[in-house]
């Protein structure tokens, strides 16, 4: 039997998703709801097959292999697998550069 993981959303990822859905809802509330369901379904299914997402290419080039992503066009969902949990870390538009997004978050974080 395959190991099952718990899906845990980081606050920043929840905020990312809320911002995306809010933006879409300004034009089409029904489309926003469809997109929310699609993203939640795809991420929820990671609990039984977490390695199906690819290692993030931009980070892999830097020797960083612990972060994976699901492409739910046009968004990228960044996550990390731990022993028992899957942490959803970020959701952003795939047209953005992942390094730029992460750098901005690092700069804006309160350490």
N, C-alpha and C. Protein backbone atom coordinates (compact mmCIF):
# COMPACT_ATOMS: atom_id res chain seq x y z
N UNK A 1 0.83 -1.19 0.00
CA UNK A 1 0.00 0.00 0.00
C UNK A 1 0.88 1.25 0.00
N UNK A 2 0.51 2.21 -0.82
CA UNK A 2 1.29 3.43 -0.93
C UNK A 2 1.14 4.29 0.32
N UNK A 3 2.22 4.98 0.65
CA UNK A 3 2.20 5.91 1.77
C UNK A 3 1.34 7.12 1.42
N UNK A 4 0.55 7.57 2.38
CA UNK A 4 -0.28 8.75 2.16
C UNK A 4 0.24 9.89 3.01
N UNK A 5 0.26 11.05 2.43
CA UNK A 5 0.79 12.25 3.07
C UNK A 5 -0.34 13.22 3.41
N UNK A 6 -0.05 14.10 4.35
CA UNK A 6 -0.98 15.18 4.64
C UNK A 6 -0.54 16.40 3.83
N UNK A 7 -1.50 17.09 3.24
CA UNK A 7 -1.22 18.30 2.47
C UNK A 7 -1.36 19.50 3.42
N UNK A 8 -0.30 20.29 3.50
CA UNK A 8 -0.31 21.47 4.37
C UNK A 8 0.01 22.69 3.51
N UNK A 9 -0.89 23.66 3.54
CA UNK A 9 -0.69 24.90 2.78
C UNK A 9 0.00 25.94 3.67
N UNK A 10 1.11 26.47 3.21
CA UNK A 10 1.77 27.59 3.89
C UNK A 10 0.87 28.82 3.76
N UNK A 11 0.94 29.69 4.73
CA UNK A 11 0.11 30.91 4.70
C UNK A 11 0.35 31.72 3.43
N UNK A 12 1.59 31.81 3.00
CA UNK A 12 1.91 32.58 1.79
C UNK A 12 1.28 31.94 0.56
N UNK A 13 1.23 30.62 0.52
CA UNK A 13 0.60 29.93 -0.62
C UNK A 13 -0.92 30.13 -0.60
N UNK A 14 -1.50 30.10 0.60
CA UNK A 14 -2.93 30.39 0.71
C UNK A 14 -3.24 31.80 0.24
N UNK A 15 -2.37 32.73 0.59
CA UNK A 15 -2.54 34.12 0.16
C UNK A 15 -2.38 34.24 -1.36
N UNK A 16 -1.40 33.54 -1.91
CA UNK A 16 -1.22 33.52 -3.37
C UNK A 16 -2.51 33.08 -4.05
N UNK A 17 -3.04 31.96 -3.58
CA UNK A 17 -4.24 31.40 -4.20
C UNK A 17 -5.43 32.35 -4.04
N UNK A 18 -5.57 32.93 -2.86
CA UNK A 18 -6.67 33.87 -2.63
C UNK A 18 -6.56 35.08 -3.57
N UNK A 19 -5.35 35.58 -3.76
CA UNK A 19 -5.13 36.72 -4.66
C UNK A 19 -5.48 36.37 -6.10
N UNK A 20 -5.09 35.18 -6.53
CA UNK A 20 -5.39 34.72 -7.89
C UNK A 20 -6.91 34.64 -8.08
N UNK A 21 -7.57 33.99 -7.15
CA UNK A 21 -9.02 33.78 -7.25
C UNK A 21 -9.76 35.12 -7.18
N UNK A 22 -9.33 35.99 -6.30
CA UNK A 22 -9.95 37.32 -6.19
C UNK A 22 -9.81 38.10 -7.50
N UNK A 23 -8.63 38.05 -8.09
CA UNK A 23 -8.38 38.76 -9.35
C UNK A 23 -9.31 38.23 -10.46
N UNK A 24 -9.39 36.91 -10.57
CA UNK A 24 -10.24 36.30 -11.60
C UNK A 24 -11.71 36.59 -11.33
N UNK A 25 -12.10 36.57 -10.07
CA UNK A 25 -13.49 36.79 -9.69
C UNK A 25 -13.99 38.19 -10.06
N UNK A 26 -13.07 39.14 -10.17
CA UNK A 26 -13.47 40.49 -10.59
C UNK A 26 -14.11 40.47 -11.97
N UNK A 27 -13.65 39.57 -12.84
CA UNK A 27 -14.22 39.45 -14.18
C UNK A 27 -15.26 38.35 -14.28
N UNK A 28 -15.02 37.24 -13.56
CA UNK A 28 -15.90 36.08 -13.70
C UNK A 28 -15.90 35.24 -12.42
N UNK A 29 -16.85 35.48 -11.52
CA UNK A 29 -16.92 34.68 -10.30
C UNK A 29 -17.04 33.18 -10.56
N UNK A 30 -17.79 32.80 -11.58
CA UNK A 30 -17.95 31.37 -11.86
C UNK A 30 -16.64 30.75 -12.34
N UNK A 31 -15.89 31.47 -13.15
CA UNK A 31 -14.59 30.98 -13.61
C UNK A 31 -13.62 30.88 -12.44
N UNK A 32 -13.67 31.84 -11.54
CA UNK A 32 -12.80 31.83 -10.36
C UNK A 32 -13.07 30.58 -9.53
N UNK A 33 -14.33 30.24 -9.36
CA UNK A 33 -14.69 29.05 -8.59
C UNK A 33 -14.18 27.78 -9.27
N UNK A 34 -14.30 27.71 -10.60
CA UNK A 34 -13.80 26.55 -11.35
C UNK A 34 -12.29 26.41 -11.17
N UNK A 35 -11.59 27.52 -11.25
CA UNK A 35 -10.13 27.49 -11.11
C UNK A 35 -9.72 27.09 -9.70
N UNK A 36 -10.42 27.63 -8.71
CA UNK A 36 -10.14 27.26 -7.32
C UNK A 36 -10.32 25.75 -7.13
N UNK A 37 -11.41 25.20 -7.63
CA UNK A 37 -11.65 23.76 -7.51
C UNK A 37 -10.56 22.96 -8.21
N UNK A 38 -10.17 23.41 -9.40
CA UNK A 38 -9.15 22.70 -10.17
C UNK A 38 -7.82 22.66 -9.42
N UNK A 39 -7.40 23.81 -8.89
CA UNK A 39 -6.12 23.87 -8.17
C UNK A 39 -6.20 23.03 -6.89
N UNK A 40 -7.28 23.13 -6.16
CA UNK A 40 -7.43 22.36 -4.92
C UNK A 40 -7.46 20.85 -5.20
N UNK A 41 -8.15 20.43 -6.26
CA UNK A 41 -8.20 19.01 -6.60
C UNK A 41 -6.84 18.47 -6.98
N UNK A 42 -6.13 19.21 -7.82
CA UNK A 42 -4.81 18.75 -8.28
C UNK A 42 -3.83 18.68 -7.12
N UNK A 43 -3.84 19.68 -6.25
CA UNK A 43 -2.90 19.65 -5.12
C UNK A 43 -3.30 18.59 -4.10
N UNK A 44 -4.59 18.39 -3.90
CA UNK A 44 -5.05 17.38 -2.94
C UNK A 44 -4.64 15.97 -3.37
N UNK A 45 -4.57 15.76 -4.66
CA UNK A 45 -4.21 14.42 -5.15
C UNK A 45 -2.73 14.10 -4.95
N UNK A 46 -1.95 15.07 -4.52
CA UNK A 46 -0.53 14.80 -4.24
C UNK A 46 -0.34 13.84 -3.08
N UNK A 47 -1.36 13.70 -2.22
CA UNK A 47 -1.21 12.90 -1.01
C UNK A 47 -0.82 11.45 -1.31
N UNK A 48 -1.18 10.94 -2.47
CA UNK A 48 -0.83 9.55 -2.79
C UNK A 48 0.24 9.42 -3.85
N UNK A 49 0.60 10.51 -4.53
CA UNK A 49 1.67 10.43 -5.54
C UNK A 49 2.44 11.76 -5.59
N UNK A 50 3.13 12.09 -4.51
CA UNK A 50 3.77 13.41 -4.42
C UNK A 50 4.93 13.64 -5.39
N UNK A 51 5.53 12.59 -5.88
CA UNK A 51 6.67 12.77 -6.77
C UNK A 51 6.27 12.97 -8.22
N UNK A 52 4.97 13.05 -8.47
CA UNK A 52 4.54 13.23 -9.86
C UNK A 52 4.88 14.62 -10.38
N UNK A 53 5.01 15.59 -9.49
CA UNK A 53 5.44 16.92 -9.91
C UNK A 53 6.92 16.91 -10.24
N UNK A 54 7.31 17.75 -11.15
CA UNK A 54 8.72 17.77 -11.55
C UNK A 54 9.55 18.60 -10.57
N UNK A 55 10.84 18.31 -10.53
CA UNK A 55 11.77 19.15 -9.79
C UNK A 55 11.85 20.46 -10.56
N UNK A 56 11.87 21.56 -9.85
CA UNK A 56 11.84 22.89 -10.49
C UNK A 56 13.13 23.10 -11.29
N UNK A 57 13.03 23.24 -12.60
CA UNK A 57 14.23 23.32 -13.45
C UNK A 57 15.20 24.44 -13.06
N UNK A 58 14.66 25.62 -12.76
CA UNK A 58 15.54 26.75 -12.44
C UNK A 58 16.33 26.50 -11.15
N UNK A 59 15.73 25.80 -10.22
CA UNK A 59 16.43 25.49 -8.97
C UNK A 59 17.36 24.29 -9.14
N UNK A 60 16.93 23.34 -9.95
CA UNK A 60 17.76 22.17 -10.23
C UNK A 60 19.10 22.59 -10.83
N UNK A 61 19.07 23.60 -11.69
CA UNK A 61 20.31 24.13 -12.28
C UNK A 61 21.26 24.66 -11.21
N UNK A 62 20.72 25.05 -10.06
CA UNK A 62 21.52 25.57 -8.96
C UNK A 62 21.86 24.48 -7.93
N UNK A 63 21.50 23.25 -8.24
CA UNK A 63 21.79 22.14 -7.34
C UNK A 63 20.76 21.97 -6.23
N UNK A 64 19.59 22.56 -6.39
CA UNK A 64 18.52 22.47 -5.38
C UNK A 64 17.46 21.51 -5.92
N UNK A 65 17.30 20.38 -5.22
CA UNK A 65 16.43 19.32 -5.73
C UNK A 65 15.22 19.02 -4.86
N UNK A 66 15.07 19.66 -3.70
CA UNK A 66 14.00 19.28 -2.79
C UNK A 66 12.66 19.93 -3.09
N UNK A 67 12.61 20.84 -4.04
CA UNK A 67 11.35 21.51 -4.36
C UNK A 67 10.80 21.00 -5.68
N UNK A 68 9.52 20.75 -5.70
CA UNK A 68 8.85 20.26 -6.90
C UNK A 68 7.73 21.22 -7.27
N UNK A 69 7.18 21.01 -8.45
CA UNK A 69 6.08 21.86 -8.87
C UNK A 69 5.08 21.07 -9.69
N UNK A 70 3.85 21.51 -9.57
CA UNK A 70 2.77 21.07 -10.44
C UNK A 70 2.47 22.23 -11.36
N UNK A 71 2.33 21.96 -12.62
CA UNK A 71 1.89 22.99 -13.55
C UNK A 71 0.39 22.79 -13.73
N UNK A 72 -0.34 23.79 -13.30
CA UNK A 72 -1.79 23.82 -13.48
C UNK A 72 -2.02 25.09 -14.28
N UNK A 73 -1.83 24.95 -15.56
CA UNK A 73 -1.72 26.07 -16.48
C UNK A 73 -2.79 27.14 -16.25
N UNK A 74 -2.39 28.38 -16.14
CA UNK A 74 -1.05 28.95 -16.30
C UNK A 74 -0.30 29.15 -14.98
N UNK A 75 -0.62 28.36 -13.96
CA UNK A 75 0.03 28.56 -12.66
C UNK A 75 1.01 27.46 -12.35
N UNK A 76 1.95 27.82 -11.49
CA UNK A 76 2.93 26.88 -10.97
C UNK A 76 2.66 26.76 -9.47
N UNK A 77 2.52 25.54 -9.00
CA UNK A 77 2.32 25.29 -7.58
C UNK A 77 3.61 24.65 -7.07
N UNK A 78 4.30 25.36 -6.20
CA UNK A 78 5.58 24.91 -5.66
C UNK A 78 5.32 24.18 -4.34
N UNK A 79 5.95 23.01 -4.19
CA UNK A 79 5.77 22.25 -2.95
C UNK A 79 7.03 21.49 -2.59
N UNK A 80 7.05 21.02 -1.34
CA UNK A 80 8.16 20.23 -0.82
C UNK A 80 7.58 19.02 -0.10
N UNK A 81 8.23 17.89 -0.28
CA UNK A 81 7.80 16.65 0.37
C UNK A 81 8.67 16.45 1.60
N UNK A 82 8.02 16.19 2.73
CA UNK A 82 8.76 15.81 3.93
C UNK A 82 8.42 14.36 4.24
N UNK A 83 8.82 13.89 5.39
CA UNK A 83 8.60 12.50 5.75
C UNK A 83 7.13 12.09 5.71
N UNK A 84 6.26 12.93 6.27
CA UNK A 84 4.83 12.60 6.36
C UNK A 84 3.92 13.63 5.70
N UNK A 85 4.48 14.75 5.31
CA UNK A 85 3.67 15.86 4.84
C UNK A 85 4.15 16.38 3.49
N UNK A 86 3.22 17.05 2.83
CA UNK A 86 3.55 17.80 1.62
C UNK A 86 3.20 19.24 1.92
N UNK A 87 4.18 20.11 1.77
CA UNK A 87 3.98 21.53 2.05
C UNK A 87 3.80 22.28 0.74
N UNK A 88 2.63 22.87 0.55
CA UNK A 88 2.40 23.74 -0.61
C UNK A 88 2.97 25.10 -0.21
N UNK A 89 3.94 25.58 -0.98
CA UNK A 89 4.70 26.76 -0.58
C UNK A 89 4.36 28.01 -1.36
N UNK A 90 3.91 27.84 -2.58
CA UNK A 90 3.66 29.02 -3.41
C UNK A 90 2.80 28.65 -4.61
N UNK A 91 2.02 29.62 -5.06
CA UNK A 91 1.24 29.48 -6.29
C UNK A 91 1.42 30.79 -7.04
N UNK A 92 1.92 30.71 -8.27
CA UNK A 92 2.10 31.94 -9.04
C UNK A 92 2.00 31.68 -10.52
N UNK A 93 1.85 32.75 -11.26
CA UNK A 93 1.70 32.69 -12.71
C UNK A 93 2.97 32.12 -13.34
N UNK A 94 2.81 31.16 -14.22
CA UNK A 94 3.96 30.48 -14.83
C UNK A 94 4.78 31.39 -15.74
N UNK A 95 4.23 32.55 -16.08
CA UNK A 95 5.00 33.49 -16.91
C UNK A 95 6.01 34.26 -16.08
N UNK A 96 5.91 34.15 -14.75
CA UNK A 96 6.88 34.79 -13.88
C UNK A 96 8.09 33.88 -13.71
N UNK A 97 9.23 34.48 -13.48
CA UNK A 97 10.45 33.73 -13.23
C UNK A 97 10.46 33.30 -11.76
N UNK A 98 10.63 31.99 -11.53
CA UNK A 98 10.58 31.47 -10.16
C UNK A 98 11.66 32.10 -9.27
N UNK A 99 12.83 32.34 -9.83
CA UNK A 99 13.89 32.95 -9.04
C UNK A 99 13.51 34.37 -8.60
N UNK A 100 12.87 35.12 -9.49
CA UNK A 100 12.43 36.47 -9.15
C UNK A 100 11.37 36.45 -8.06
N UNK A 101 10.43 35.53 -8.17
CA UNK A 101 9.36 35.40 -7.18
C UNK A 101 9.96 35.07 -5.81
N UNK A 102 10.85 34.09 -5.78
CA UNK A 102 11.45 33.68 -4.51
C UNK A 102 12.33 34.79 -3.93
N UNK A 103 13.05 35.49 -4.78
CA UNK A 103 13.90 36.59 -4.31
C UNK A 103 13.05 37.70 -3.68
N UNK A 104 11.96 38.06 -4.35
CA UNK A 104 11.07 39.09 -3.80
C UNK A 104 10.51 38.67 -2.45
N UNK A 105 10.17 37.40 -2.33
CA UNK A 105 9.63 36.91 -1.06
C UNK A 105 10.70 36.95 0.03
N UNK A 106 11.90 36.61 -0.33
CA UNK A 106 12.99 36.65 0.64
C UNK A 106 13.24 38.07 1.12
N UNK A 107 13.25 39.01 0.19
CA UNK A 107 13.47 40.41 0.52
C UNK A 107 12.35 40.95 1.39
N UNK A 108 11.11 40.57 1.09
CA UNK A 108 9.95 41.09 1.80
C UNK A 108 9.62 40.35 3.09
N UNK A 109 10.29 39.21 3.34
CA UNK A 109 9.98 38.46 4.55
C UNK A 109 10.56 39.14 5.79
N UNK A 110 9.90 38.89 6.88
CA UNK A 110 10.37 39.43 8.16
C UNK A 110 11.13 38.33 8.86
N UNK A 111 12.42 38.46 8.86
CA UNK A 111 13.29 37.43 9.45
C UNK A 111 13.58 37.77 10.90
